[in-house]
């Protein structure tokens, strides 16, 4: 039996505050590295009345619209888990984010809180873009920002928009360029 390849799932979230629970993940985007045709996006109904106006403003999402129209967290996370698990026919999903601490904290908390398990694994562990770049290049943390990585790899015309779906696609393309440069 052939071992399936790893599928790096570039994940991006938008949130209305600094931590999950008191604040809400309001959108989730996932894009498979090297497969721009494989992507997932959902907005999520806020789970709390609390929010940081400046954090909410980053995404440009309308909180009142999300409260009225976005799927509840249980439904959004179930859809995300089903999509991720559907990829298992072709590969082994591996979480990737930049930074993994922020995005991973929200994604893992939401999966555990609303589904009781994560499709990535029990720890929610995955790849952090900046740490990967540091290990590969030997650079310091300050030189591992995505904008610097894009500059070093001569990636142009790939904006960071603060739309979780678009930013997941951006991350997937940056990570693919890193893999190709090894």
N, C-alpha and C. Protein backbone atom coordinates (compact mmCIF):
# COMPACT_ATOMS: atom_id res chain seq x y z
N UNK A 1 0.83 -1.18 0.00
CA UNK A 1 0.00 0.00 0.00
C UNK A 1 0.88 1.24 0.00
N UNK A 2 0.62 2.17 -0.91
CA UNK A 2 1.40 3.39 -1.01
C UNK A 2 0.98 4.39 0.06
N UNK A 3 1.97 4.98 0.70
CA UNK A 3 1.71 6.01 1.71
C UNK A 3 1.31 7.30 1.00
N UNK A 4 0.19 7.88 1.41
CA UNK A 4 -0.28 9.11 0.78
C UNK A 4 0.63 10.27 1.14
N UNK A 5 0.78 11.24 0.24
CA UNK A 5 1.65 12.39 0.52
C UNK A 5 1.01 13.35 1.52
N UNK A 6 1.85 14.14 2.15
CA UNK A 6 1.33 15.19 3.01
C UNK A 6 0.69 16.28 2.15
N UNK A 7 -0.43 16.79 2.63
CA UNK A 7 -1.09 17.94 2.01
C UNK A 7 -0.99 19.09 3.00
N UNK A 8 -0.25 20.12 2.63
CA UNK A 8 -0.11 21.27 3.52
C UNK A 8 -1.32 22.16 3.33
N UNK A 9 -2.06 22.37 4.41
CA UNK A 9 -3.27 23.18 4.37
C UNK A 9 -2.97 24.53 4.98
N UNK A 10 -2.84 25.53 4.11
CA UNK A 10 -2.60 26.90 4.54
C UNK A 10 -3.90 27.45 5.13
N UNK A 11 -3.83 27.86 6.39
CA UNK A 11 -5.01 28.28 7.12
C UNK A 11 -4.87 29.73 7.54
N UNK A 12 -5.95 30.49 7.37
CA UNK A 12 -5.96 31.87 7.84
C UNK A 12 -7.31 32.14 8.50
N UNK A 13 -7.29 32.91 9.57
CA UNK A 13 -8.52 33.29 10.24
C UNK A 13 -8.58 34.80 10.39
N UNK A 14 -9.78 35.28 10.51
CA UNK A 14 -10.02 36.65 10.95
C UNK A 14 -10.80 36.54 12.24
N UNK A 15 -10.45 37.36 13.21
CA UNK A 15 -11.08 37.30 14.53
C UNK A 15 -11.38 38.72 15.01
N UNK A 16 -12.31 38.81 15.95
CA UNK A 16 -12.68 40.14 16.46
C UNK A 16 -12.05 40.45 17.81
N UNK A 17 -11.00 39.70 18.16
CA UNK A 17 -10.26 39.93 19.39
C UNK A 17 -9.04 39.04 19.44
N UNK A 18 -8.25 39.14 20.52
CA UNK A 18 -6.95 38.47 20.56
C UNK A 18 -6.96 37.00 20.94
N UNK A 19 -8.04 36.49 21.55
CA UNK A 19 -8.07 35.10 21.97
C UNK A 19 -9.47 34.51 21.75
N UNK A 20 -9.54 33.19 21.51
CA UNK A 20 -10.85 32.57 21.36
C UNK A 20 -11.56 32.40 22.69
N UNK A 21 -12.87 32.40 22.64
CA UNK A 21 -13.68 32.24 23.84
C UNK A 21 -14.32 33.56 24.19
N UNK A 22 -13.53 34.46 24.80
CA UNK A 22 -14.09 35.79 25.03
C UNK A 22 -14.37 36.53 23.72
N UNK A 23 -13.62 36.17 22.69
CA UNK A 23 -13.76 36.80 21.36
C UNK A 23 -14.03 35.72 20.32
N UNK A 24 -14.35 36.14 19.12
CA UNK A 24 -14.83 35.21 18.10
C UNK A 24 -13.93 35.15 16.87
N UNK A 25 -13.81 33.93 16.32
CA UNK A 25 -13.27 33.76 14.98
C UNK A 25 -14.44 34.05 14.05
N UNK A 26 -14.26 35.01 13.14
CA UNK A 26 -15.38 35.43 12.31
C UNK A 26 -15.27 34.96 10.86
N UNK A 27 -14.10 34.44 10.48
CA UNK A 27 -13.98 33.79 9.17
C UNK A 27 -12.78 32.86 9.19
N UNK A 28 -12.86 31.85 8.33
CA UNK A 28 -11.84 30.81 8.24
C UNK A 28 -11.61 30.49 6.77
N UNK A 29 -10.35 30.54 6.35
CA UNK A 29 -9.99 30.17 5.00
C UNK A 29 -8.93 29.10 5.01
N UNK A 30 -9.03 28.15 4.09
CA UNK A 30 -8.05 27.07 3.97
C UNK A 30 -7.75 26.87 2.49
N UNK A 31 -6.48 26.75 2.16
CA UNK A 31 -6.07 26.52 0.78
C UNK A 31 -4.97 25.46 0.76
N UNK A 32 -5.08 24.49 -0.12
CA UNK A 32 -4.09 23.42 -0.20
C UNK A 32 -2.90 23.92 -1.01
N UNK A 33 -1.71 23.81 -0.41
CA UNK A 33 -0.48 24.23 -1.07
C UNK A 33 -0.29 23.43 -2.35
N UNK A 34 -0.04 24.13 -3.44
CA UNK A 34 0.18 23.48 -4.72
C UNK A 34 -1.09 23.08 -5.44
N UNK A 35 -2.23 23.33 -4.84
CA UNK A 35 -3.52 22.97 -5.43
C UNK A 35 -4.51 24.13 -5.28
N UNK A 36 -4.35 25.19 -6.06
CA UNK A 36 -5.23 26.35 -5.92
C UNK A 36 -6.70 26.03 -6.17
N UNK A 37 -6.98 24.88 -6.77
CA UNK A 37 -8.36 24.47 -7.00
C UNK A 37 -9.01 23.90 -5.73
N UNK A 38 -8.21 23.65 -4.70
CA UNK A 38 -8.75 23.09 -3.46
C UNK A 38 -8.71 24.15 -2.36
N UNK A 39 -9.87 24.73 -2.08
CA UNK A 39 -9.95 25.79 -1.09
C UNK A 39 -11.29 25.72 -0.37
N UNK A 40 -11.28 26.23 0.86
CA UNK A 40 -12.48 26.26 1.70
C UNK A 40 -12.55 27.64 2.34
N UNK A 41 -13.76 28.18 2.44
CA UNK A 41 -13.96 29.47 3.12
C UNK A 41 -15.33 29.47 3.78
N UNK A 42 -15.35 29.98 4.99
CA UNK A 42 -16.62 30.22 5.66
C UNK A 42 -16.52 31.43 6.56
N UNK A 43 -17.61 32.12 6.68
CA UNK A 43 -17.73 33.13 7.73
C UNK A 43 -18.41 32.43 8.89
N UNK A 44 -18.29 32.98 10.09
CA UNK A 44 -18.78 32.33 11.29
C UNK A 44 -19.51 33.35 12.16
N UNK A 45 -20.67 32.96 12.63
CA UNK A 45 -21.43 33.83 13.54
C UNK A 45 -20.63 34.03 14.83
N UNK A 46 -20.49 35.28 15.29
CA UNK A 46 -19.78 35.52 16.54
C UNK A 46 -20.40 34.74 17.70
N UNK A 47 -19.53 34.27 18.61
CA UNK A 47 -19.98 33.47 19.75
C UNK A 47 -20.07 34.29 21.03
N UNK A 48 -19.67 35.54 20.97
CA UNK A 48 -19.62 36.38 22.16
C UNK A 48 -20.12 37.77 21.82
N UNK A 49 -20.60 38.46 22.81
CA UNK A 49 -20.99 39.87 22.62
C UNK A 49 -19.78 40.78 22.64
N UNK A 50 -18.67 40.29 23.18
CA UNK A 50 -17.46 41.10 23.29
C UNK A 50 -16.68 41.09 21.97
N UNK A 51 -16.11 42.24 21.64
CA UNK A 51 -15.22 42.34 20.49
C UNK A 51 -14.37 43.58 20.64
N UNK A 52 -13.22 43.58 19.98
CA UNK A 52 -12.32 44.72 19.95
C UNK A 52 -12.56 45.42 18.61
N UNK A 53 -13.10 46.64 18.64
CA UNK A 53 -13.43 47.31 17.37
C UNK A 53 -12.27 47.35 16.37
N UNK A 54 -11.06 47.60 16.85
CA UNK A 54 -9.91 47.66 15.92
C UNK A 54 -9.64 46.30 15.30
N UNK A 55 -9.80 45.22 16.06
CA UNK A 55 -9.59 43.87 15.52
C UNK A 55 -10.66 43.54 14.49
N UNK A 56 -11.90 43.88 14.79
CA UNK A 56 -12.99 43.65 13.84
C UNK A 56 -12.77 44.43 12.56
N UNK A 57 -12.29 45.65 12.68
CA UNK A 57 -12.09 46.52 11.51
C UNK A 57 -11.07 45.95 10.53
N UNK A 58 -10.10 45.18 11.03
CA UNK A 58 -9.06 44.62 10.16
C UNK A 58 -9.68 43.79 9.04
N UNK A 59 -10.69 42.99 9.37
CA UNK A 59 -11.29 42.09 8.39
C UNK A 59 -12.24 42.79 7.44
N UNK A 60 -12.79 43.92 7.87
CA UNK A 60 -13.79 44.60 7.05
C UNK A 60 -15.15 43.93 7.07
N UNK A 61 -15.29 42.88 7.88
CA UNK A 61 -16.57 42.19 7.96
C UNK A 61 -17.54 42.96 8.85
N UNK A 62 -18.81 42.88 8.51
CA UNK A 62 -19.86 43.56 9.25
C UNK A 62 -20.40 42.62 10.33
N UNK A 63 -20.17 42.97 11.58
CA UNK A 63 -20.55 42.11 12.70
C UNK A 63 -22.07 41.86 12.74
N UNK A 64 -22.85 42.88 12.49
CA UNK A 64 -24.31 42.72 12.50
C UNK A 64 -24.76 41.75 11.41
N UNK A 65 -24.14 41.83 10.23
CA UNK A 65 -24.47 40.90 9.16
C UNK A 65 -24.08 39.47 9.55
N UNK A 66 -22.89 39.32 10.16
CA UNK A 66 -22.46 37.99 10.60
C UNK A 66 -23.44 37.41 11.62
N UNK A 67 -23.92 38.23 12.54
CA UNK A 67 -24.88 37.76 13.54
C UNK A 67 -26.18 37.30 12.90
N UNK A 68 -26.56 37.94 11.81
CA UNK A 68 -27.81 37.58 11.12
C UNK A 68 -27.63 36.43 10.14
N UNK A 69 -26.53 36.40 9.40
CA UNK A 69 -26.42 35.55 8.23
C UNK A 69 -25.37 34.43 8.29
N UNK A 70 -24.33 34.59 9.08
CA UNK A 70 -23.25 33.59 9.08
C UNK A 70 -23.70 32.32 9.80
N UNK A 71 -23.17 31.18 9.39
CA UNK A 71 -23.53 29.94 10.09
C UNK A 71 -22.99 29.96 11.52
N UNK A 72 -23.69 29.28 12.43
CA UNK A 72 -23.16 29.16 13.79
C UNK A 72 -21.85 28.38 13.79
N UNK A 73 -21.06 28.56 14.84
CA UNK A 73 -19.73 27.95 14.91
C UNK A 73 -19.78 26.44 14.71
N UNK A 74 -20.76 25.77 15.32
CA UNK A 74 -20.85 24.32 15.20
C UNK A 74 -20.98 23.90 13.73
N UNK A 75 -21.82 24.61 13.00
CA UNK A 75 -22.05 24.29 11.59
C UNK A 75 -20.83 24.62 10.74
N UNK A 76 -20.23 25.77 10.98
CA UNK A 76 -19.05 26.18 10.20
C UNK A 76 -17.88 25.23 10.43
N UNK A 77 -17.64 24.85 11.68
CA UNK A 77 -16.52 23.97 11.98
C UNK A 77 -16.78 22.55 11.49
N UNK A 78 -18.03 22.11 11.53
CA UNK A 78 -18.37 20.79 10.98
C UNK A 78 -18.12 20.76 9.48
N UNK A 79 -18.46 21.84 8.79
CA UNK A 79 -18.22 21.92 7.35
C UNK A 79 -16.72 21.92 7.07
N UNK A 80 -15.95 22.66 7.86
CA UNK A 80 -14.50 22.69 7.68
C UNK A 80 -13.89 21.32 7.92
N UNK A 81 -14.31 20.66 8.99
CA UNK A 81 -13.78 19.32 9.30
C UNK A 81 -14.13 18.33 8.19
N UNK A 82 -15.36 18.40 7.68
CA UNK A 82 -15.77 17.48 6.60
C UNK A 82 -14.92 17.73 5.36
N UNK A 83 -14.66 19.00 5.05
CA UNK A 83 -13.84 19.33 3.87
C UNK A 83 -12.42 18.80 4.06
N UNK A 84 -11.83 19.05 5.24
CA UNK A 84 -10.47 18.57 5.52
C UNK A 84 -10.42 17.05 5.45
N UNK A 85 -11.36 16.39 6.10
CA UNK A 85 -11.37 14.93 6.11
C UNK A 85 -11.60 14.35 4.72
N UNK A 86 -12.31 15.07 3.87
CA UNK A 86 -12.51 14.63 2.49
C UNK A 86 -11.21 14.59 1.69
N UNK A 87 -10.23 15.37 2.12
CA UNK A 87 -8.93 15.39 1.44
C UNK A 87 -8.11 14.14 1.74
N UNK A 88 -8.48 13.40 2.75
CA UNK A 88 -7.71 12.22 3.17
C UNK A 88 -7.66 11.13 2.10
N UNK A 89 -8.52 11.20 1.12
CA UNK A 89 -8.48 10.23 0.01
C UNK A 89 -7.23 10.43 -0.84
N UNK A 90 -6.71 11.68 -0.84
CA UNK A 90 -5.56 11.98 -1.69
C UNK A 90 -4.29 12.32 -0.91
N UNK A 91 -4.41 12.58 0.39
CA UNK A 91 -3.23 12.94 1.15
C UNK A 91 -3.52 13.07 2.63
N UNK A 92 -2.45 13.38 3.38
CA UNK A 92 -2.53 13.52 4.83
C UNK A 92 -2.48 15.01 5.18
N UNK A 93 -3.60 15.59 5.64
CA UNK A 93 -3.64 17.02 5.94
C UNK A 93 -2.67 17.43 7.05
N UNK A 94 -1.91 18.49 6.79
CA UNK A 94 -0.99 19.07 7.77
C UNK A 94 -1.31 20.56 7.87
N UNK A 95 -1.57 21.02 9.08
CA UNK A 95 -1.89 22.42 9.34
C UNK A 95 -0.68 23.30 9.05
N UNK A 96 -0.91 24.44 8.40
CA UNK A 96 0.13 25.43 8.11
C UNK A 96 -0.47 26.80 8.33
N UNK A 97 0.22 27.65 9.07
CA UNK A 97 -0.24 29.02 9.25
C UNK A 97 0.96 29.94 9.44
N UNK A 98 0.71 31.21 9.36
CA UNK A 98 1.76 32.19 9.55
C UNK A 98 1.18 33.46 10.15
N UNK A 99 1.15 33.59 11.44
CA UNK A 99 1.76 32.74 12.46
C UNK A 99 0.82 31.63 12.91
N UNK A 100 1.41 30.48 13.18
CA UNK A 100 0.62 29.34 13.64
C UNK A 100 0.07 29.58 15.04
N UNK A 101 0.75 30.39 15.84
CA UNK A 101 0.28 30.62 17.20
C UNK A 101 -1.11 31.26 17.18
N UNK A 102 -1.31 32.31 16.43
CA UNK A 102 -2.61 33.00 16.42
C UNK A 102 -3.67 32.17 15.70
N UNK A 103 -3.43 31.85 14.45
CA UNK A 103 -4.42 31.11 13.67
C UNK A 103 -4.68 29.74 14.27
N UNK A 104 -3.61 29.06 14.67
CA UNK A 104 -3.76 27.73 15.24
C UNK A 104 -4.52 27.74 16.56
N UNK A 105 -4.31 28.77 17.36
CA UNK A 105 -5.02 28.88 18.63
C UNK A 105 -6.53 28.94 18.38
N UNK A 106 -6.95 29.79 17.46
CA UNK A 106 -8.37 29.91 17.17
C UNK A 106 -8.92 28.63 16.54
N UNK A 107 -8.24 28.10 15.54
CA UNK A 107 -8.75 26.93 14.82
C UNK A 107 -8.84 25.74 15.76
N UNK A 108 -7.79 25.47 16.52
CA UNK A 108 -7.82 24.31 17.41
C UNK A 108 -8.90 24.50 18.49
N UNK A 109 -8.97 25.68 19.09
CA UNK A 109 -9.98 25.93 20.13
C UNK A 109 -11.38 25.72 19.57
N UNK A 110 -11.64 26.26 18.38
CA UNK A 110 -12.97 26.13 17.79
C UNK A 110 -13.29 24.67 17.47
N UNK A 111 -12.36 23.92 16.91
CA UNK A 111 -12.63 22.51 16.64
C UNK A 111 -12.92 21.76 17.94
N UNK A 112 -12.09 21.98 18.95
CA UNK A 112 -12.27 21.26 20.22
C UNK A 112 -13.56 21.69 20.91
N UNK A 113 -13.82 22.97 20.94
CA UNK A 113 -15.00 23.49 21.64
C UNK A 113 -16.30 23.07 20.96
N UNK A 114 -16.34 23.12 19.63
CA UNK A 114 -17.62 22.92 18.94
C UNK A 114 -17.78 21.52 18.33
N UNK A 115 -16.67 20.78 18.14
CA UNK A 115 -16.77 19.43 17.60
C UNK A 115 -16.20 18.37 18.54
N UNK A 116 -15.41 18.80 19.51
CA UNK A 116 -14.82 17.84 20.45
C UNK A 116 -13.57 17.17 19.94
N UNK A 117 -13.16 17.48 18.71
CA UNK A 117 -11.92 16.94 18.14
C UNK A 117 -11.51 17.79 16.95
N UNK A 118 -10.23 17.66 16.62
CA UNK A 118 -9.69 18.42 15.49
C UNK A 118 -9.33 17.47 14.36
N UNK A 119 -9.64 17.83 13.11
CA UNK A 119 -9.24 16.98 11.99
C UNK A 119 -7.74 17.02 11.73
N UNK A 120 -7.04 17.92 12.39
CA UNK A 120 -5.59 17.97 12.22
C UNK A 120 -4.90 16.98 13.15
N UNK A 121 -5.24 16.99 14.41
CA UNK A 121 -4.82 15.99 15.40
C UNK A 121 -5.17 16.51 16.78
N UNK A 122 -4.92 15.69 17.78
CA UNK A 122 -5.34 16.04 19.14
C UNK A 122 -4.65 17.29 19.66
N UNK A 123 -3.41 17.55 19.23
CA UNK A 123 -2.68 18.72 19.73
C UNK A 123 -2.91 19.95 18.88
N UNK A 124 -3.42 19.77 17.66
CA UNK A 124 -3.59 20.90 16.77
C UNK A 124 -2.27 21.40 16.19
N UNK A 125 -1.20 20.65 16.39
CA UNK A 125 0.12 21.09 15.96
C UNK A 125 0.21 21.18 14.44
N UNK A 126 1.09 22.02 13.99
CA UNK A 126 1.31 22.16 12.57
C UNK A 126 2.56 22.98 12.28
N UNK A 127 2.66 23.43 11.06
CA UNK A 127 3.83 24.18 10.60
C UNK A 127 3.58 25.67 10.75
N UNK A 128 4.57 26.36 11.31
CA UNK A 128 4.57 27.81 11.39
C UNK A 128 5.47 28.34 10.27
N UNK A 129 4.91 29.18 9.40
CA UNK A 129 5.65 29.69 8.25
C UNK A 129 6.96 30.35 8.66
N UNK A 130 6.90 31.23 9.65
CA UNK A 130 8.09 31.98 10.04
C UNK A 130 9.17 31.08 10.63
N UNK A 131 8.77 30.12 11.44
CA UNK A 131 9.74 29.19 12.02
C UNK A 131 10.38 28.33 10.93
N UNK A 132 9.57 27.90 9.98
CA UNK A 132 10.09 27.10 8.86
C UNK A 132 11.15 27.91 8.10
N UNK A 133 10.83 29.16 7.80
CA UNK A 133 11.75 30.04 7.06
C UNK A 133 13.04 30.25 7.85
N UNK A 134 12.92 30.49 9.15
CA UNK A 134 14.11 30.66 9.99
C UNK A 134 14.99 29.42 9.94
N UNK A 135 14.38 28.26 10.07
CA UNK A 135 15.15 27.02 10.03
C UNK A 135 15.82 26.79 8.69
N UNK A 136 15.12 27.15 7.63
CA UNK A 136 15.66 26.93 6.29
C UNK A 136 16.78 27.92 5.95
N UNK A 137 16.62 29.17 6.37
CA UNK A 137 17.57 30.21 5.95
C UNK A 137 18.58 30.59 7.02
N UNK A 138 18.29 30.28 8.28
CA UNK A 138 19.17 30.69 9.36
C UNK A 138 18.98 32.14 9.76
N UNK A 139 17.94 32.79 9.27
CA UNK A 139 17.70 34.20 9.60
C UNK A 139 17.16 34.35 11.01
N UNK A 140 17.14 35.58 11.49
CA UNK A 140 16.54 35.89 12.78
C UNK A 140 15.04 36.10 12.61
N UNK A 141 14.32 36.06 13.74
CA UNK A 141 12.86 36.22 13.75
C UNK A 141 12.44 37.50 13.01
N UNK A 142 13.11 38.58 13.25
CA UNK A 142 12.74 39.86 12.65
C UNK A 142 12.77 39.81 11.12
N UNK A 143 13.53 38.90 10.57
CA UNK A 143 13.65 38.77 9.12
C UNK A 143 12.80 37.64 8.55
N UNK A 144 11.80 37.20 9.33
CA UNK A 144 10.98 36.08 8.87
C UNK A 144 9.53 36.49 8.58
N UNK A 145 9.26 37.79 8.53
CA UNK A 145 7.90 38.22 8.20
C UNK A 145 7.55 37.80 6.78
N UNK A 146 6.28 37.54 6.55
CA UNK A 146 5.84 37.08 5.23
C UNK A 146 6.22 38.08 4.14
N UNK A 147 6.13 39.37 4.43
CA UNK A 147 6.49 40.38 3.43
C UNK A 147 7.97 40.26 3.05
N UNK A 148 8.82 39.95 4.00
CA UNK A 148 10.25 39.78 3.71
C UNK A 148 10.48 38.50 2.94
N UNK A 149 9.79 37.43 3.31
CA UNK A 149 9.91 36.17 2.57
C UNK A 149 9.51 36.40 1.11
N UNK A 150 8.39 37.10 0.90
CA UNK A 150 7.93 37.37 -0.47
C UNK A 150 8.97 38.19 -1.24
N UNK A 151 9.58 39.15 -0.57
CA UNK A 151 10.61 39.96 -1.21
C UNK A 151 11.81 39.11 -1.58
N UNK A 152 12.28 38.27 -0.65
CA UNK A 152 13.45 37.42 -0.91
C UNK A 152 13.20 36.43 -2.05
N UNK A 153 11.97 35.94 -2.15
CA UNK A 153 11.64 34.97 -3.19
C UNK A 153 11.11 35.63 -4.47
N UNK A 154 11.13 36.96 -4.47
CA UNK A 154 10.69 37.74 -5.64
C UNK A 154 9.24 37.43 -6.03
N UNK A 155 8.38 37.32 -5.01
CA UNK A 155 6.95 37.09 -5.23
C UNK A 155 6.27 38.45 -5.28
N UNK A 156 5.67 38.75 -6.41
CA UNK A 156 5.00 40.04 -6.59
C UNK A 156 3.54 39.82 -6.95
N UNK A 157 2.73 40.84 -6.72
CA UNK A 157 1.33 40.77 -7.11
C UNK A 157 0.50 39.81 -6.27
N UNK A 158 0.92 39.58 -5.05
CA UNK A 158 0.22 38.65 -4.17
C UNK A 158 -0.08 39.38 -2.86
N UNK A 159 -1.16 40.14 -2.85
CA UNK A 159 -1.44 40.98 -1.67
C UNK A 159 -1.96 40.20 -0.47
N UNK A 160 -1.80 40.81 0.69
CA UNK A 160 -2.39 40.31 1.93
C UNK A 160 -3.60 41.20 2.19
N UNK A 161 -4.80 40.65 2.04
CA UNK A 161 -6.03 41.46 2.02
C UNK A 161 -6.82 41.45 3.32
N UNK A 162 -6.50 40.57 4.25
CA UNK A 162 -7.27 40.35 5.48
C UNK A 162 -8.64 39.76 5.19
N UNK A 163 -8.75 39.05 4.08
CA UNK A 163 -9.89 38.18 3.80
C UNK A 163 -9.34 36.77 4.00
N UNK A 164 -9.92 36.01 4.92
CA UNK A 164 -9.34 34.71 5.30
C UNK A 164 -9.13 33.78 4.11
N UNK A 165 -10.05 33.75 3.17
CA UNK A 165 -9.89 32.89 2.00
C UNK A 165 -8.75 33.33 1.11
N UNK A 166 -8.67 34.63 0.84
CA UNK A 166 -7.61 35.16 -0.01
C UNK A 166 -6.25 35.04 0.67
N UNK A 167 -6.21 35.28 1.98
CA UNK A 167 -4.93 35.20 2.69
C UNK A 167 -4.45 33.75 2.85
N UNK A 168 -5.38 32.81 2.93
CA UNK A 168 -4.98 31.40 2.94
C UNK A 168 -4.36 31.04 1.59
N UNK A 169 -4.94 31.53 0.50
CA UNK A 169 -4.38 31.28 -0.83
C UNK A 169 -3.00 31.94 -0.97
N UNK A 170 -2.85 33.14 -0.42
CA UNK A 170 -1.55 33.82 -0.43
C UNK A 170 -0.52 32.97 0.32
N UNK A 171 -0.87 32.52 1.51
CA UNK A 171 0.04 31.71 2.31
C UNK A 171 0.42 30.43 1.58
N UNK A 172 -0.54 29.80 0.93
CA UNK A 172 -0.26 28.57 0.18
C UNK A 172 0.76 28.84 -0.93
N UNK A 173 0.61 29.95 -1.61
CA UNK A 173 1.54 30.28 -2.70
C UNK A 173 2.93 30.62 -2.16
N UNK A 174 2.99 31.31 -1.04
CA UNK A 174 4.29 31.64 -0.43
C UNK A 174 4.98 30.35 0.01
N UNK A 175 4.25 29.45 0.67
CA UNK A 175 4.86 28.21 1.12
C UNK A 175 5.31 27.35 -0.06
N UNK A 176 4.53 27.32 -1.12
CA UNK A 176 4.95 26.57 -2.31
C UNK A 176 6.24 27.13 -2.87
N UNK A 177 6.36 28.46 -2.89
CA UNK A 177 7.59 29.10 -3.38
C UNK A 177 8.77 28.74 -2.47
N UNK A 178 8.54 28.66 -1.16
CA UNK A 178 9.59 28.26 -0.24
C UNK A 178 10.01 26.82 -0.54
N UNK A 179 9.05 25.94 -0.69
CA UNK A 179 9.38 24.54 -0.99
C UNK A 179 10.14 24.43 -2.30
N UNK A 180 9.74 25.20 -3.30
CA UNK A 180 10.40 25.15 -4.60
C UNK A 180 11.82 25.71 -4.54
N UNK A 181 12.08 26.59 -3.58
CA UNK A 181 13.41 27.22 -3.48
C UNK A 181 14.44 26.38 -2.73
N UNK A 182 13.99 25.29 -2.11
CA UNK A 182 14.92 24.48 -1.31
C UNK A 182 15.95 23.80 -2.18
